[in-house]
Amino acid sequence: MDILYFAWVRERVGLPKEKVETNATTVAQLVDELRAREERYDVAFSDLSALRVALDQELSDFDASLEGVREVAFFPPMTGG
């Protein structure tokens, strides 16, 4: 599965994207797996209320299923102006 990181999430993780193998069935489980990898992921995902997620380019929730998903993107909330 492809994981994309945007804005300060990318800065904290240190990568714009990566491919991961996962046993997670939900976004929340994927986040738990990522946080357990290294401190930089733990820091990036320490406050989920400051993050949004998109599954295959559709906004979603952290309790959403990953079944059939090919791309997960994490990014901060966007503001308009």
PDB file of N, CA and C in Angstrom:
ATOM      1  N   MET A   1       0.848  -1.158   0.000  1.00  0.00           N
ATOM      2  CA  MET A   1       0.000   0.000   0.000  1.00  0.00           C
ATOM      3  C   MET A   1       0.902   1.233   0.000  1.00  0.00           C
ATOM      4  N   ASP A   2       0.508   2.249  -0.751  1.00  0.00           N
ATOM      5  CA  ASP A   2       1.255   3.498  -0.788  1.00  0.00           C
ATOM      6  C   ASP A   2       0.755   4.419   0.319  1.00  0.00           C
ATOM      7  N   ILE A   3       1.697   5.010   1.051  1.00  0.00           N
ATOM      8  CA  ILE A   3       1.374   5.974   2.095  1.00  0.00           C
ATOM      9  C   ILE A   3       1.984   7.306   1.673  1.00  0.00           C
ATOM     10  N   LEU A   4       1.169   8.360   1.666  1.00  0.00           N
ATOM     11  CA  LEU A   4       1.625   9.700   1.307  1.00  0.00           C
ATOM     12  C   LEU A   4       1.537  10.604   2.522  1.00  0.00           C
ATOM     13  N   TYR A   5       2.545  11.466   2.679  1.00  0.00           N
ATOM     14  CA  TYR A   5       2.581  12.412   3.793  1.00  0.00           C
ATOM     15  C   TYR A   5       2.685  13.820   3.226  1.00  0.00           C
ATOM     16  N   PHE A   6       1.894  14.740   3.770  1.00  0.00           N
ATOM     17  CA  PHE A   6       1.888  16.115   3.287  1.00  0.00           C
ATOM     18  C   PHE A   6       2.162  17.109   4.409  1.00  0.00           C
ATOM     19  N   ALA A   7       2.704  18.274   4.027  1.00  0.00           N
ATOM     20  CA  ALA A   7       2.947  19.411   4.920  1.00  0.00           C
ATOM     21  C   ALA A   7       3.820  18.983   6.102  1.00  0.00           C
ATOM     22  N   TRP A   8       3.440  19.377   7.327  1.00  0.00           N
ATOM     23  CA  TRP A   8       4.295  19.083   8.485  1.00  0.00           C
ATOM     24  C   TRP A   8       4.373  17.587   8.796  1.00  0.00           C
ATOM     25  N   VAL A   9       3.417  16.800   8.325  1.00  0.00           N
ATOM     26  CA  VAL A   9       3.505  15.345   8.525  1.00  0.00           C
ATOM     27  C   VAL A   9       4.726  14.824   7.761  1.00  0.00           C
ATOM     28  N   ARG A  10       4.895  15.285   6.531  1.00  0.00           N
ATOM     29  CA  ARG A  10       6.047  14.893   5.716  1.00  0.00           C
ATOM     30  C   ARG A  10       7.347  15.339   6.387  1.00  0.00           C
ATOM     31  N   GLU A  11       7.353  16.553   6.937  1.00  0.00           N
ATOM     32  CA  GLU A  11       8.560  17.049   7.597  1.00  0.00           C
ATOM     33  C   GLU A  11       8.934  16.186   8.796  1.00  0.00           C
ATOM     34  N   ARG A  12       7.948  15.777   9.580  1.00  0.00           N
ATOM     35  CA  ARG A  12       8.228  14.984  10.780  1.00  0.00           C
ATOM     36  C   ARG A  12       8.638  13.554  10.447  1.00  0.00           C
ATOM     37  N   VAL A  13       7.981  12.971   9.441  1.00  0.00           N
ATOM     38  CA  VAL A  13       8.322  11.601   9.045  1.00  0.00           C
ATOM     39  C   VAL A  13       9.629  11.585   8.250  1.00  0.00           C
ATOM     40  N   GLY A  14       9.869  12.644   7.475  1.00  0.00           N
ATOM     41  CA  GLY A  14      11.093  12.724   6.693  1.00  0.00           C
ATOM     42  C   GLY A  14      10.986  12.117   5.311  1.00  0.00           C
ATOM     43  N   LEU A  15       9.759  11.782   4.900  1.00  0.00           N
ATOM     44  CA  LEU A  15       9.520  11.178   3.581  1.00  0.00           C
ATOM     45  C   LEU A  15       8.238  11.753   2.983  1.00  0.00           C
ATOM     46  N   PRO A  16       8.189  11.926   1.659  1.00  0.00           N
ATOM     47  CA  PRO A  16       6.930  12.342   1.044  1.00  0.00           C
ATOM     48  C   PRO A  16       5.975  11.168   0.838  1.00  0.00           C
ATOM     49  N   LYS A  17       6.550   9.964   0.648  1.00  0.00           N
ATOM     50  CA  LYS A  17       5.723   8.769   0.435  1.00  0.00           C
ATOM     51  C   LYS A  17       6.568   7.527   0.669  1.00  0.00           C
ATOM     52  N   GLU A  18       5.866   6.424   0.869  1.00  0.00           N
ATOM     53  CA  GLU A  18       6.535   5.137   1.007  1.00  0.00           C
ATOM     54  C   GLU A  18       5.538   4.027   0.751  1.00  0.00           C
ATOM     55  N   LYS A  19       6.065   2.856   0.444  1.00  0.00           N
ATOM     56  CA  LYS A  19       5.240   1.653   0.296  1.00  0.00           C
ATOM     57  C   LYS A  19       5.382   0.858   1.575  1.00  0.00           C
ATOM     58  N   VAL A  20       4.264   0.391   2.110  1.00  0.00           N
ATOM     59  CA  VAL A  20       4.322  -0.404   3.340  1.00  0.00           C
ATOM     60  C   VAL A  20       3.508  -1.679   3.179  1.00  0.00           C
ATOM     61  N   GLU A  21       3.967  -2.705   3.844  1.00  0.00           N
ATOM     62  CA  GLU A  21       3.208  -3.950   3.988  1.00  0.00           C
ATOM     63  C   GLU A  21       2.551  -3.842   5.352  1.00  0.00           C
ATOM     64  N   THR A  22       1.270  -4.135   5.437  1.00  0.00           N
ATOM     65  CA  THR A  22       0.578  -3.992   6.709  1.00  0.00           C
ATOM     66  C   THR A  22      -0.430  -5.106   6.936  1.00  0.00           C
ATOM     67  N   ASN A  23      -0.663  -5.398   8.188  1.00  0.00           N
ATOM     68  CA  ASN A  23      -1.717  -6.325   8.585  1.00  0.00           C
ATOM     69  C   ASN A  23      -2.919  -5.558   9.126  1.00  0.00           C
ATOM     70  N   ALA A  24      -2.823  -4.237   9.129  1.00  0.00           N
ATOM     71  CA  ALA A  24      -3.896  -3.395   9.665  1.00  0.00           C
ATOM     72  C   ALA A  24      -5.165  -3.543   8.833  1.00  0.00           C
ATOM     73  N   THR A  25      -6.297  -3.511   9.515  1.00  0.00           N
ATOM     74  CA  THR A  25      -7.582  -3.573   8.819  1.00  0.00           C
ATOM     75  C   THR A  25      -8.295  -2.220   8.833  1.00  0.00           C
ATOM     76  N   THR A  26      -7.805  -1.291   9.673  1.00  0.00           N
ATOM     77  CA  THR A  26      -8.376   0.064   9.720  1.00  0.00           C
ATOM     78  C   THR A  26      -7.242   1.082   9.664  1.00  0.00           C
ATOM     79  N   VAL A  27      -7.605   2.321   9.391  1.00  0.00           N
ATOM     80  CA  VAL A  27      -6.607   3.393   9.375  1.00  0.00           C
ATOM     81  C   VAL A  27      -5.979   3.524  10.757  1.00  0.00           C
ATOM     82  N   ALA A  28      -6.774   3.454  11.810  1.00  0.00           N
ATOM     83  CA  ALA A  28      -6.248   3.583  13.172  1.00  0.00           C
ATOM     84  C   ALA A  28      -5.202   2.509  13.466  1.00  0.00           C
ATOM     85  N   GLN A  29      -5.439   1.291  13.016  1.00  0.00           N
ATOM     86  CA  GLN A  29      -4.460   0.218  13.213  1.00  0.00           C
ATOM     87  C   GLN A  29      -3.183   0.486  12.421  1.00  0.00           C
ATOM     88  N   LEU A  30      -3.334   1.035  11.220  1.00  0.00           N
ATOM     89  CA  LEU A  30      -2.169   1.403  10.417  1.00  0.00           C
ATOM     90  C   LEU A  30      -1.354   2.465  11.142  1.00  0.00           C
ATOM     91  N   VAL A  31      -2.024   3.456  11.698  1.00  0.00           N
ATOM     92  CA  VAL A  31      -1.335   4.508  12.451  1.00  0.00           C
ATOM     93  C   VAL A  31      -0.587   3.893  13.634  1.00  0.00           C
ATOM     94  N   ASP A  32      -1.207   2.967  14.335  1.00  0.00           N
ATOM     95  CA  ASP A  32      -0.538   2.300  15.456  1.00  0.00           C
ATOM     96  C   ASP A  32       0.722   1.571  14.986  1.00  0.00           C
ATOM     97  N   GLU A  33       0.637   0.891  13.846  1.00  0.00           N
ATOM     98  CA  GLU A  33       1.807   0.200  13.295  1.00  0.00           C
ATOM     99  C   GLU A  33       2.914   1.193  12.950  1.00  0.00           C
ATOM    100  N   LEU A  34       2.535   2.297  12.313  1.00  0.00           N
ATOM    101  CA  LEU A  34       3.526   3.304  11.945  1.00  0.00           C
ATOM    102  C   LEU A  34       4.176   3.915  13.184  1.00  0.00           C
ATOM    103  N   ARG A  35       3.373   4.242  14.180  1.00  0.00           N
ATOM    104  CA  ARG A  35       3.904   4.853  15.411  1.00  0.00           C
ATOM    105  C   ARG A  35       4.893   3.937  16.113  1.00  0.00           C
ATOM    106  N   ALA A  36       4.690   2.634  15.993  1.00  0.00           N
ATOM    107  CA  ALA A  36       5.575   1.670  16.655  1.00  0.00           C
ATOM    108  C   ALA A  36       6.903   1.505  15.920  1.00  0.00           C
ATOM    109  N   ARG A  37       6.993   1.982  14.684  1.00  0.00           N
ATOM    110  CA  ARG A  37       8.211   1.805  13.882  1.00  0.00           C
ATOM    111  C   ARG A  37       9.394   2.588  14.433  1.00  0.00           C
ATOM    112  N   GLU A  38       9.201   3.890  14.595  1.00  0.00           N
ATOM    113  CA  GLU A  38      10.287   4.784  14.986  1.00  0.00           C
ATOM    114  C   GLU A  38       9.692   6.010  15.669  1.00  0.00           C
ATOM    115  N   GLU A  39      10.534   6.719  16.395  1.00  0.00           N
ATOM    116  CA  GLU A  39      10.081   7.908  17.117  1.00  0.00           C
ATOM    117  C   GLU A  39       9.524   8.976  16.179  1.00  0.00           C
ATOM    118  N   ARG A  40      10.116   9.124  14.998  1.00  0.00           N
ATOM    119  CA  ARG A  40       9.635  10.172  14.081  1.00  0.00           C
ATOM    120  C   ARG A  40       8.171   9.950  13.685  1.00  0.00           C
ATOM    121  N   TYR A  41       7.760   8.696  13.522  1.00  0.00           N
ATOM    122  CA  TYR A  41       6.358   8.398  13.222  1.00  0.00           C
ATOM    123  C   TYR A  41       5.487   8.651  14.449  1.00  0.00           C
ATOM    124  N   ASP A  42       6.005   8.271  15.612  1.00  0.00           N
ATOM    125  CA  ASP A  42       5.264   8.492  16.852  1.00  0.00           C
ATOM    126  C   ASP A  42       4.987   9.983  17.037  1.00  0.00           C
ATOM    127  N   VAL A  43       5.970  10.816  16.760  1.00  0.00           N
ATOM    128  CA  VAL A  43       5.800  12.270  16.869  1.00  0.00           C
ATOM    129  C   VAL A  43       4.798  12.770  15.828  1.00  0.00           C
ATOM    130  N   ALA A  44       4.920  12.304  14.609  1.00  0.00           N
ATOM    131  CA  ALA A  44       4.030  12.777  13.530  1.00  0.00           C
ATOM    132  C   ALA A  44       2.567  12.427  13.792  1.00  0.00           C
ATOM    133  N   PHE A  45       2.331  11.285  14.428  1.00  0.00           N
ATOM    134  CA  PHE A  45       0.958  10.817  14.642  1.00  0.00           C
ATOM    135  C   PHE A  45       0.512  10.921  16.107  1.00  0.00           C
ATOM    136  N   SER A  46       1.184  11.770  16.883  1.00  0.00           N
ATOM    137  CA  SER A  46       0.874  11.868  18.307  1.00  0.00           C
ATOM    138  C   SER A  46      -0.473  12.531  18.587  1.00  0.00           C
ATOM    139  N   ASP A  47      -0.958  13.375  17.676  1.00  0.00           N
ATOM    140  CA  ASP A  47      -2.239  14.065  17.881  1.00  0.00           C
ATOM    141  C   ASP A  47      -3.112  13.879  16.644  1.00  0.00           C
ATOM    142  N   LEU A  48      -3.921  12.831  16.637  1.00  0.00           N
ATOM    143  CA  LEU A  48      -4.749  12.529  15.460  1.00  0.00           C
ATOM    144  C   LEU A  48      -5.805  13.599  15.201  1.00  0.00           C
ATOM    145  N   SER A  49      -6.155  14.384  16.221  1.00  0.00           N
ATOM    146  CA  SER A  49      -7.137  15.449  15.986  1.00  0.00           C
ATOM    147  C   SER A  49      -6.570  16.536  15.071  1.00  0.00           C
ATOM    148  N   ALA A  50      -5.247  16.565  14.917  1.00  0.00           N
ATOM    149  CA  ALA A  50      -4.595  17.544  14.043  1.00  0.00           C
ATOM    150  C   ALA A  50      -4.326  16.978  12.656  1.00  0.00           C
ATOM    151  N   LEU A  51      -4.879  15.803  12.361  1.00  0.00           N
ATOM    152  CA  LEU A  51      -4.636  15.147  11.076  1.00  0.00           C
ATOM    153  C   LEU A  51      -5.928  14.797  10.365  1.00  0.00           C
ATOM    154  N   ARG A  52      -5.835  14.721   9.055  1.00  0.00           N
ATOM    155  CA  ARG A  52      -6.913  14.208   8.216  1.00  0.00           C
ATOM    156  C   ARG A  52      -6.325  13.064   7.404  1.00  0.00           C
ATOM    157  N   VAL A  53      -7.207  12.215   6.912  1.00  0.00           N
ATOM    158  CA  VAL A  53      -6.766  11.066   6.123  1.00  0.00           C
ATOM    159  C   VAL A  53      -7.657  10.933   4.890  1.00  0.00           C
ATOM    160  N   ALA A  54      -7.036  10.524   3.787  1.00  0.00           N
ATOM    161  CA  ALA A  54      -7.775  10.232   2.559  1.00  0.00           C
ATOM    162  C   ALA A  54      -7.387   8.830   2.112  1.00  0.00           C
ATOM    163  N   LEU A  55      -8.393   8.062   1.724  1.00  0.00           N
ATOM    164  CA  LEU A  55      -8.183   6.712   1.202  1.00  0.00           C
ATOM    165  C   LEU A  55      -8.506   6.731  -0.275  1.00  0.00           C
ATOM    166  N   ASP A  56      -7.519   6.408  -1.087  1.00  0.00           N
ATOM    167  CA  ASP A  56      -7.682   6.474  -2.547  1.00  0.00           C
ATOM    168  C   ASP A  56      -8.297   7.808  -2.963  1.00  0.00           C
ATOM    169  N   GLN A  57      -7.775   8.890  -2.382  1.00  0.00           N
ATOM    170  CA  GLN A  57      -8.110  10.285  -2.699  1.00  0.00           C
ATOM    171  C   GLN A  57      -9.518  10.694  -2.281  1.00  0.00           C
ATOM    172  N   GLU A  58     -10.112   9.959  -1.324  1.00  0.00           N
ATOM    173  CA  GLU A  58     -11.415  10.320  -0.762  1.00  0.00           C
ATOM    174  C   GLU A  58     -11.239  10.544   0.732  1.00  0.00           C
ATOM    175  N   LEU A  59     -11.680  11.706   1.232  1.00  0.00           N
ATOM    176  CA  LEU A  59     -11.587  11.963   2.666  1.00  0.00           C
ATOM    177  C   LEU A  59     -12.273  10.851   3.444  1.00  0.00           C
ATOM    178  N   SER A  60     -11.667  10.468   4.548  1.00  0.00           N
ATOM    179  CA  SER A  60     -12.181   9.353   5.318  1.00  0.00           C
ATOM    180  C   SER A  60     -11.943   9.590   6.799  1.00  0.00           C
ATOM    181  N   ASP A  61     -12.261   8.577   7.604  1.00  0.00           N
ATOM    182  CA  ASP A  61     -12.073   8.623   9.052  1.00  0.00           C
ATOM    183  C   ASP A  61     -11.026   7.605   9.462  1.00  0.00           C
ATOM    184  N   PHE A  62     -10.509   7.774  10.673  1.00  0.00           N
ATOM    185  CA  PHE A  62      -9.477   6.870  11.163  1.00  0.00           C
ATOM    186  C   PHE A  62     -10.014   5.478  11.497  1.00  0.00           C
ATOM    187  N   ASP A  63     -11.328   5.345  11.634  1.00  0.00           N
ATOM    188  CA  ASP A  63     -11.895   4.018  11.888  1.00  0.00           C
ATOM    189  C   ASP A  63     -12.314   3.305  10.593  1.00  0.00           C
ATOM    190  N   ALA A  64     -12.001   3.907   9.451  1.00  0.00           N
ATOM    191  CA  ALA A  64     -12.374   3.336   8.151  1.00  0.00           C
ATOM    192  C   ALA A  64     -11.567   2.076   7.841  1.00  0.00           C
ATOM    193  N   SER A  65     -12.203   1.187   7.109  1.00  0.00           N
ATOM    194  CA  SER A  65     -11.566  -0.056   6.683  1.00  0.00           C
ATOM    195  C   SER A  65     -10.530   0.209   5.597  1.00  0.00           C
ATOM    196  N   LEU A  66      -9.472  -0.579   5.610  1.00  0.00           N
ATOM    197  CA  LEU A  66      -8.441  -0.495   4.571  1.00  0.00           C
ATOM    198  C   LEU A  66      -8.644  -1.540   3.477  1.00  0.00           C
ATOM    199  N   GLU A  67      -9.713  -2.290   3.547  1.00  0.00           N
ATOM    200  CA  GLU A  67      -9.953  -3.339   2.561  1.00  0.00           C
ATOM    201  C   GLU A  67     -10.021  -2.745   1.155  1.00  0.00           C
ATOM    202  N   GLY A  68      -9.170  -3.233   0.277  1.00  0.00           N
ATOM    203  CA  GLY A  68      -9.144  -2.787  -1.112  1.00  0.00           C
ATOM    204  C   GLY A  68      -8.471  -1.444  -1.345  1.00  0.00           C
ATOM    205  N   VAL A  69      -7.996  -0.787  -0.298  1.00  0.00           N
ATOM    206  CA  VAL A  69      -7.370   0.534  -0.423  1.00  0.00           C
ATOM    207  C   VAL A  69      -5.949   0.385  -0.948  1.00  0.00           C
ATOM    208  N   ARG A  70      -5.598   1.220  -1.917  1.00  0.00           N
ATOM    209  CA  ARG A  70      -4.249   1.186  -2.482  1.00  0.00           C
ATOM    210  C   ARG A  70      -3.398   2.360  -2.018  1.00  0.00           C
ATOM    211  N   GLU A  71      -4.051   3.479  -1.611  1.00  0.00           N
ATOM    212  CA  GLU A  71      -3.299   4.670  -1.221  1.00  0.00           C
ATOM    213  C   GLU A  71      -3.927   5.319   0.006  1.00  0.00           C
ATOM    214  N   VAL A  72      -3.079   5.637   0.979  1.00  0.00           N
ATOM    215  CA  VAL A  72      -3.505   6.350   2.181  1.00  0.00           C
ATOM    216  C   VAL A  72      -2.684   7.633   2.250  1.00  0.00           C
ATOM    217  N   ALA A  73      -3.364   8.763   2.424  1.00  0.00           N
ATOM    218  CA  ALA A  73      -2.669  10.049   2.529  1.00  0.00           C
ATOM    219  C   ALA A  73      -2.998  10.689   3.876  1.00  0.00           C
ATOM    220  N   PHE A  74      -1.955  11.197   4.529  1.00  0.00           N
ATOM    221  CA  PHE A  74      -2.120  11.889   5.802  1.00  0.00           C
ATOM    222  C   PHE A  74      -1.705  13.346   5.613  1.00  0.00           C
ATOM    223  N   PHE A  75      -2.514  14.260   6.167  1.00  0.00           N
ATOM    224  CA  PHE A  75      -2.237  15.696   5.996  1.00  0.00           C
ATOM    225  C   PHE A  75      -2.967  16.479   7.088  1.00  0.00           C
ATOM    226  N   PRO A  76      -2.483  17.697   7.373  1.00  0.00           N
ATOM    227  CA  PRO A  76      -3.194  18.540   8.338  1.00  0.00           C
ATOM    228  C   PRO A  76      -4.463  19.094   7.715  1.00  0.00           C
ATOM    229  N   PRO A  77      -5.402  19.543   8.553  1.00  0.00           N
ATOM    230  CA  PRO A  77      -6.611  20.168   8.008  1.00  0.00           C
ATOM    231  C   PRO A  77      -6.238  21.368   7.144  1.00  0.00           C
ATOM    232  N   MET A  78      -7.000  21.573   6.101  1.00  0.00           N
ATOM    233  CA  MET A  78      -6.712  22.700   5.203  1.00  0.00           C
ATOM    234  C   MET A  78      -7.614  23.876   5.568  1.00  0.00           C
ATOM    235  N   THR A  79      -7.053  25.052   5.416  1.00  0.00           N
ATOM    236  CA  THR A  79      -7.852  26.244   5.663  1.00  0.00           C
ATOM    237  C   THR A  79      -7.999  27.009   4.356  1.00  0.00           C
ATOM    238  N   GLY A  80      -9.118  27.641   4.214  1.00  0.00           N
ATOM    239  CA  GLY A  80      -9.357  28.423   2.998  1.00  0.00           C
ATOM    240  C   GLY A  80      -9.090  29.891   3.253  1.00  0.00           C
ATOM    241  N   GLY A  81      -9.048  30.619   2.175  1.00  0.00           N
ATOM    242  CA  GLY A  81      -8.794  32.050   2.368  1.00  0.00           C
ATOM    243  C   GLY A  81      -9.296  32.849   1.206  1.00  0.00           C
TER     244      GLY A  81
END
